[in-house]
PDB file of N, CA and C in Angstrom:
ATOM      1  N   UNK A   1      27.366  29.661  26.257  1.00  0.00           N
ATOM      2  CA  UNK A   1      27.909  28.744  27.238  1.00  0.00           C
ATOM      3  C   UNK A   1      29.194  29.305  27.844  1.00  0.00           C
ATOM      4  N   UNK A   2      30.037  29.875  26.988  1.00  0.00           N
ATOM      5  CA  UNK A   2      31.279  30.447  27.504  1.00  0.00           C
ATOM      6  C   UNK A   2      31.014  31.632  28.422  1.00  0.00           C
ATOM      7  N   UNK A   3      29.989  32.399  28.098  1.00  0.00           N
ATOM      8  CA  UNK A   3      29.666  33.548  28.945  1.00  0.00           C
ATOM      9  C   UNK A   3      29.210  33.090  30.326  1.00  0.00           C
ATOM     10  N   UNK A   4      28.461  32.018  30.374  1.00  0.00           N
ATOM     11  CA  UNK A   4      28.003  31.483  31.656  1.00  0.00           C
ATOM     12  C   UNK A   4      29.176  30.987  32.488  1.00  0.00           C
ATOM     13  N   UNK A   5      30.087  30.266  31.865  1.00  0.00           N
ATOM     14  CA  UNK A   5      31.270  29.780  32.581  1.00  0.00           C
ATOM     15  C   UNK A   5      32.112  30.951  33.063  1.00  0.00           C
ATOM     16  N   UNK A   6      32.283  31.950  32.219  1.00  0.00           N
ATOM     17  CA  UNK A   6      33.068  33.119  32.610  1.00  0.00           C
ATOM     18  C   UNK A   6      32.407  33.843  33.780  1.00  0.00           C
ATOM     19  N   UNK A   7      31.093  33.970  33.739  1.00  0.00           N
ATOM     20  CA  UNK A   7      30.391  34.645  34.832  1.00  0.00           C
ATOM     21  C   UNK A   7      30.546  33.873  36.142  1.00  0.00           C
ATOM     22  N   UNK A   8      30.446  32.554  36.070  1.00  0.00           N
ATOM     23  CA  UNK A   8      30.608  31.732  37.274  1.00  0.00           C
ATOM     24  C   UNK A   8      32.018  31.877  37.832  1.00  0.00           C
ATOM     25  N   UNK A   9      33.015  31.855  36.966  1.00  0.00           N
ATOM     26  CA  UNK A   9      34.401  31.992  37.428  1.00  0.00           C
ATOM     27  C   UNK A   9      34.654  33.366  38.052  1.00  0.00           C
ATOM     28  N   UNK A  10      34.073  34.394  37.476  1.00  0.00           N
ATOM     29  CA  UNK A  10      34.257  35.734  38.033  1.00  0.00           C
ATOM     30  C   UNK A  10      33.576  35.848  39.392  1.00  0.00           C
ATOM     31  N   UNK A  11      32.382  35.263  39.527  1.00  0.00           N
ATOM     32  CA  UNK A  11      31.699  35.274  40.821  1.00  0.00           C
ATOM     33  C   UNK A  11      32.510  34.500  41.861  1.00  0.00           C
ATOM     34  N   UNK A  12      33.051  33.343  41.461  1.00  0.00           N
ATOM     35  CA  UNK A  12      33.900  32.582  42.387  1.00  0.00           C
ATOM     36  C   UNK A  12      35.135  33.372  42.782  1.00  0.00           C
ATOM     37  N   UNK A  13      35.691  34.119  41.827  1.00  0.00           N
ATOM     38  CA  UNK A  13      36.846  34.952  42.140  1.00  0.00           C
ATOM     39  C   UNK A  13      36.476  36.025  43.168  1.00  0.00           C
ATOM     40  N   UNK A  14      35.338  36.677  42.956  1.00  0.00           N
ATOM     41  CA  UNK A  14      34.907  37.709  43.893  1.00  0.00           C
ATOM     42  C   UNK A  14      34.651  37.137  45.285  1.00  0.00           C
ATOM     43  N   UNK A  15      34.001  35.979  45.331  1.00  0.00           N
ATOM     44  CA  UNK A  15      33.756  35.336  46.631  1.00  0.00           C
ATOM     45  C   UNK A  15      35.063  34.969  47.313  1.00  0.00           C
ATOM     46  N   UNK A  16      35.966  34.412  46.564  1.00  0.00           N
ATOM     47  CA  UNK A  16      37.257  34.036  47.141  1.00  0.00           C
ATOM     48  C   UNK A  16      38.054  35.246  47.598  1.00  0.00           C
ATOM     49  N   UNK A  17      37.959  36.316  46.852  1.00  0.00           N
ATOM     50  CA  UNK A  17      38.739  37.511  47.184  1.00  0.00           C
ATOM     51  C   UNK A  17      38.174  38.227  48.400  1.00  0.00           C
ATOM     52  N   UNK A  18      36.858  38.350  48.476  1.00  0.00           N
ATOM     53  CA  UNK A  18      36.257  39.139  49.540  1.00  0.00           C
ATOM     54  C   UNK A  18      35.793  38.320  50.746  1.00  0.00           C
ATOM     55  N   UNK A  19      35.364  37.093  50.525  1.00  0.00           N
ATOM     56  CA  UNK A  19      34.747  36.350  51.617  1.00  0.00           C
ATOM     57  C   UNK A  19      35.677  35.314  52.254  1.00  0.00           C
ATOM     58  N   UNK A  20      36.350  34.545  51.441  1.00  0.00           N
ATOM     59  CA  UNK A  20      37.048  33.391  51.981  1.00  0.00           C
ATOM     60  C   UNK A  20      38.550  33.573  52.132  1.00  0.00           C
ATOM     61  N   UNK A  21      39.116  34.603  51.552  1.00  0.00           N
ATOM     62  CA  UNK A  21      40.551  34.879  51.631  1.00  0.00           C
ATOM     63  C   UNK A  21      41.373  33.666  51.211  1.00  0.00           C
ATOM     64  N   UNK A  22      41.037  33.141  50.046  1.00  0.00           N
ATOM     65  CA  UNK A  22      41.771  32.016  49.467  1.00  0.00           C
ATOM     66  C   UNK A  22      43.139  32.531  49.029  1.00  0.00           C
ATOM     67  N   UNK A  23      44.067  31.628  48.838  1.00  0.00           N
ATOM     68  CA  UNK A  23      45.411  32.051  48.440  1.00  0.00           C
ATOM     69  C   UNK A  23      45.346  32.902  47.173  1.00  0.00           C
ATOM     70  N   UNK A  24      46.208  33.867  47.094  1.00  0.00           N
ATOM     71  CA  UNK A  24      46.161  34.856  46.017  1.00  0.00           C
ATOM     72  C   UNK A  24      46.353  34.226  44.643  1.00  0.00           C
ATOM     73  N   UNK A  25      47.171  33.198  44.533  1.00  0.00           N
ATOM     74  CA  UNK A  25      47.426  32.571  43.235  1.00  0.00           C
ATOM     75  C   UNK A  25      46.179  31.975  42.630  1.00  0.00           C
ATOM     76  N   UNK A  26      45.406  31.225  43.406  1.00  0.00           N
ATOM     77  CA  UNK A  26      44.193  30.581  42.902  1.00  0.00           C
ATOM     78  C   UNK A  26      43.161  31.629  42.501  1.00  0.00           C
ATOM     79  N   UNK A  27      43.030  32.659  43.284  1.00  0.00           N
ATOM     80  CA  UNK A  27      42.048  33.706  43.009  1.00  0.00           C
ATOM     81  C   UNK A  27      42.357  34.389  41.683  1.00  0.00           C
ATOM     82  N   UNK A  28      43.603  34.715  41.439  1.00  0.00           N
ATOM     83  CA  UNK A  28      43.948  35.419  40.215  1.00  0.00           C
ATOM     84  C   UNK A  28      43.889  34.503  38.998  1.00  0.00           C
ATOM     85  N   UNK A  29      44.159  33.240  39.167  1.00  0.00           N
ATOM     86  CA  UNK A  29      44.006  32.300  38.058  1.00  0.00           C
ATOM     87  C   UNK A  29      42.537  32.209  37.648  1.00  0.00           C
ATOM     88  N   UNK A  30      41.633  32.163  38.616  1.00  0.00           N
ATOM     89  CA  UNK A  30      40.204  32.150  38.299  1.00  0.00           C
ATOM     90  C   UNK A  30      39.795  33.410  37.549  1.00  0.00           C
ATOM     91  N   UNK A  31      40.305  34.538  37.967  1.00  0.00           N
ATOM     92  CA  UNK A  31      39.980  35.797  37.294  1.00  0.00           C
ATOM     93  C   UNK A  31      40.472  35.789  35.850  1.00  0.00           C
ATOM     94  N   UNK A  32      41.694  35.369  35.645  1.00  0.00           N
ATOM     95  CA  UNK A  32      42.263  35.359  34.298  1.00  0.00           C
ATOM     96  C   UNK A  32      41.491  34.407  33.393  1.00  0.00           C
ATOM     97  N   UNK A  33      41.162  33.215  33.893  1.00  0.00           N
ATOM     98  CA  UNK A  33      40.400  32.254  33.097  1.00  0.00           C
ATOM     99  C   UNK A  33      39.024  32.823  32.748  1.00  0.00           C
ATOM    100  N   UNK A  34      38.376  33.469  33.702  1.00  0.00           N
ATOM    101  CA  UNK A  34      37.067  34.062  33.454  1.00  0.00           C
ATOM    102  C   UNK A  34      37.112  35.151  32.396  1.00  0.00           C
ATOM    103  N   UNK A  35      38.104  36.006  32.472  1.00  0.00           N
ATOM    104  CA  UNK A  35      38.223  37.097  31.500  1.00  0.00           C
ATOM    105  C   UNK A  35      38.542  36.551  30.111  1.00  0.00           C
ATOM    106  N   UNK A  36      39.442  35.586  30.034  1.00  0.00           N
ATOM    107  CA  UNK A  36      39.796  35.003  28.737  1.00  0.00           C
ATOM    108  C   UNK A  36      38.580  34.338  28.096  1.00  0.00           C
ATOM    109  N   UNK A  37      37.806  33.607  28.888  1.00  0.00           N
ATOM    110  CA  UNK A  37      36.624  32.944  28.332  1.00  0.00           C
ATOM    111  C   UNK A  37      35.574  33.960  27.886  1.00  0.00           C
ATOM    112  N   UNK A  38      35.433  35.050  28.623  1.00  0.00           N
ATOM    113  CA  UNK A  38      34.485  36.088  28.234  1.00  0.00           C
ATOM    114  C   UNK A  38      34.906  36.751  26.923  1.00  0.00           C
ATOM    115  N   UNK A  39      36.188  37.052  26.780  1.00  0.00           N
ATOM    116  CA  UNK A  39      36.695  37.644  25.540  1.00  0.00           C
ATOM    117  C   UNK A  39      36.503  36.676  24.373  1.00  0.00           C
ATOM    118  N   UNK A  40      36.802  35.391  24.581  1.00  0.00           N
ATOM    119  CA  UNK A  40      36.588  34.411  23.516  1.00  0.00           C
ATOM    120  C   UNK A  40      35.120  34.327  23.105  1.00  0.00           C
ATOM    121  N   UNK A  41      34.237  34.437  24.081  1.00  0.00           N
ATOM    122  CA  UNK A  41      32.804  34.407  23.776  1.00  0.00           C
ATOM    123  C   UNK A  41      32.416  35.562  22.855  1.00  0.00           C
ATOM    124  N   UNK A  42      32.895  36.756  23.156  1.00  0.00           N
ATOM    125  CA  UNK A  42      32.532  37.906  22.338  1.00  0.00           C
ATOM    126  C   UNK A  42      33.190  37.846  20.961  1.00  0.00           C
ATOM    127  N   UNK A  43      34.409  37.353  20.896  1.00  0.00           N
ATOM    128  CA  UNK A  43      35.089  37.246  19.597  1.00  0.00           C
ATOM    129  C   UNK A  43      34.408  36.206  18.716  1.00  0.00           C
ATOM    130  N   UNK A  44      34.031  35.075  19.273  1.00  0.00           N
ATOM    131  CA  UNK A  44      33.352  34.054  18.483  1.00  0.00           C
ATOM    132  C   UNK A  44      31.947  34.500  18.111  1.00  0.00           C
ATOM    133  N   UNK A  45      31.308  35.275  18.938  1.00  0.00           N
ATOM    134  CA  UNK A  45      29.977  35.781  18.620  1.00  0.00           C
ATOM    135  C   UNK A  45      30.008  36.724  17.442  1.00  0.00           C
ATOM    136  N   UNK A  46      31.016  37.581  17.379  1.00  0.00           N
ATOM    137  CA  UNK A  46      31.146  38.500  16.251  1.00  0.00           C
ATOM    138  C   UNK A  46      31.482  37.739  14.977  1.00  0.00           C
ATOM    139  N   UNK A  47      32.341  36.742  15.058  1.00  0.00           N
ATOM    140  CA  UNK A  47      32.725  35.973  13.870  1.00  0.00           C
ATOM    141  C   UNK A  47      31.530  35.210  13.309  1.00  0.00           C
ATOM    142  N   UNK A  48      30.631  34.761  14.163  1.00  0.00           N
ATOM    143  CA  UNK A  48      29.469  34.000  13.711  1.00  0.00           C
ATOM    144  C   UNK A  48      28.447  34.899  13.008  1.00  0.00           C
ATOM    145  N   UNK A  49      28.406  36.183  13.363  1.00  0.00           N
ATOM    146  CA  UNK A  49      27.410  37.076  12.760  1.00  0.00           C
ATOM    147  C   UNK A  49      27.866  37.655  11.433  1.00  0.00           C
ATOM    148  N   UNK A  50      29.132  37.571  11.126  1.00  0.00           N
ATOM    149  CA  UNK A  50      29.657  38.170   9.874  1.00  0.00           C
ATOM    150  C   UNK A  50      29.375  37.280   8.681  1.00  0.00           C
TER     151      UNK A  50
END
């Protein structure tokens, strides 16, 4: 679930950055949230398999 949310946020960031020219602050916040959620997904996935 976290990976899906992270992927959606990253896609929204790319669209905002390249297509819509949204303000820089919102775009970078979306990127940071997406990356953090993706990292959390991988860390929790490894902890569950151990």
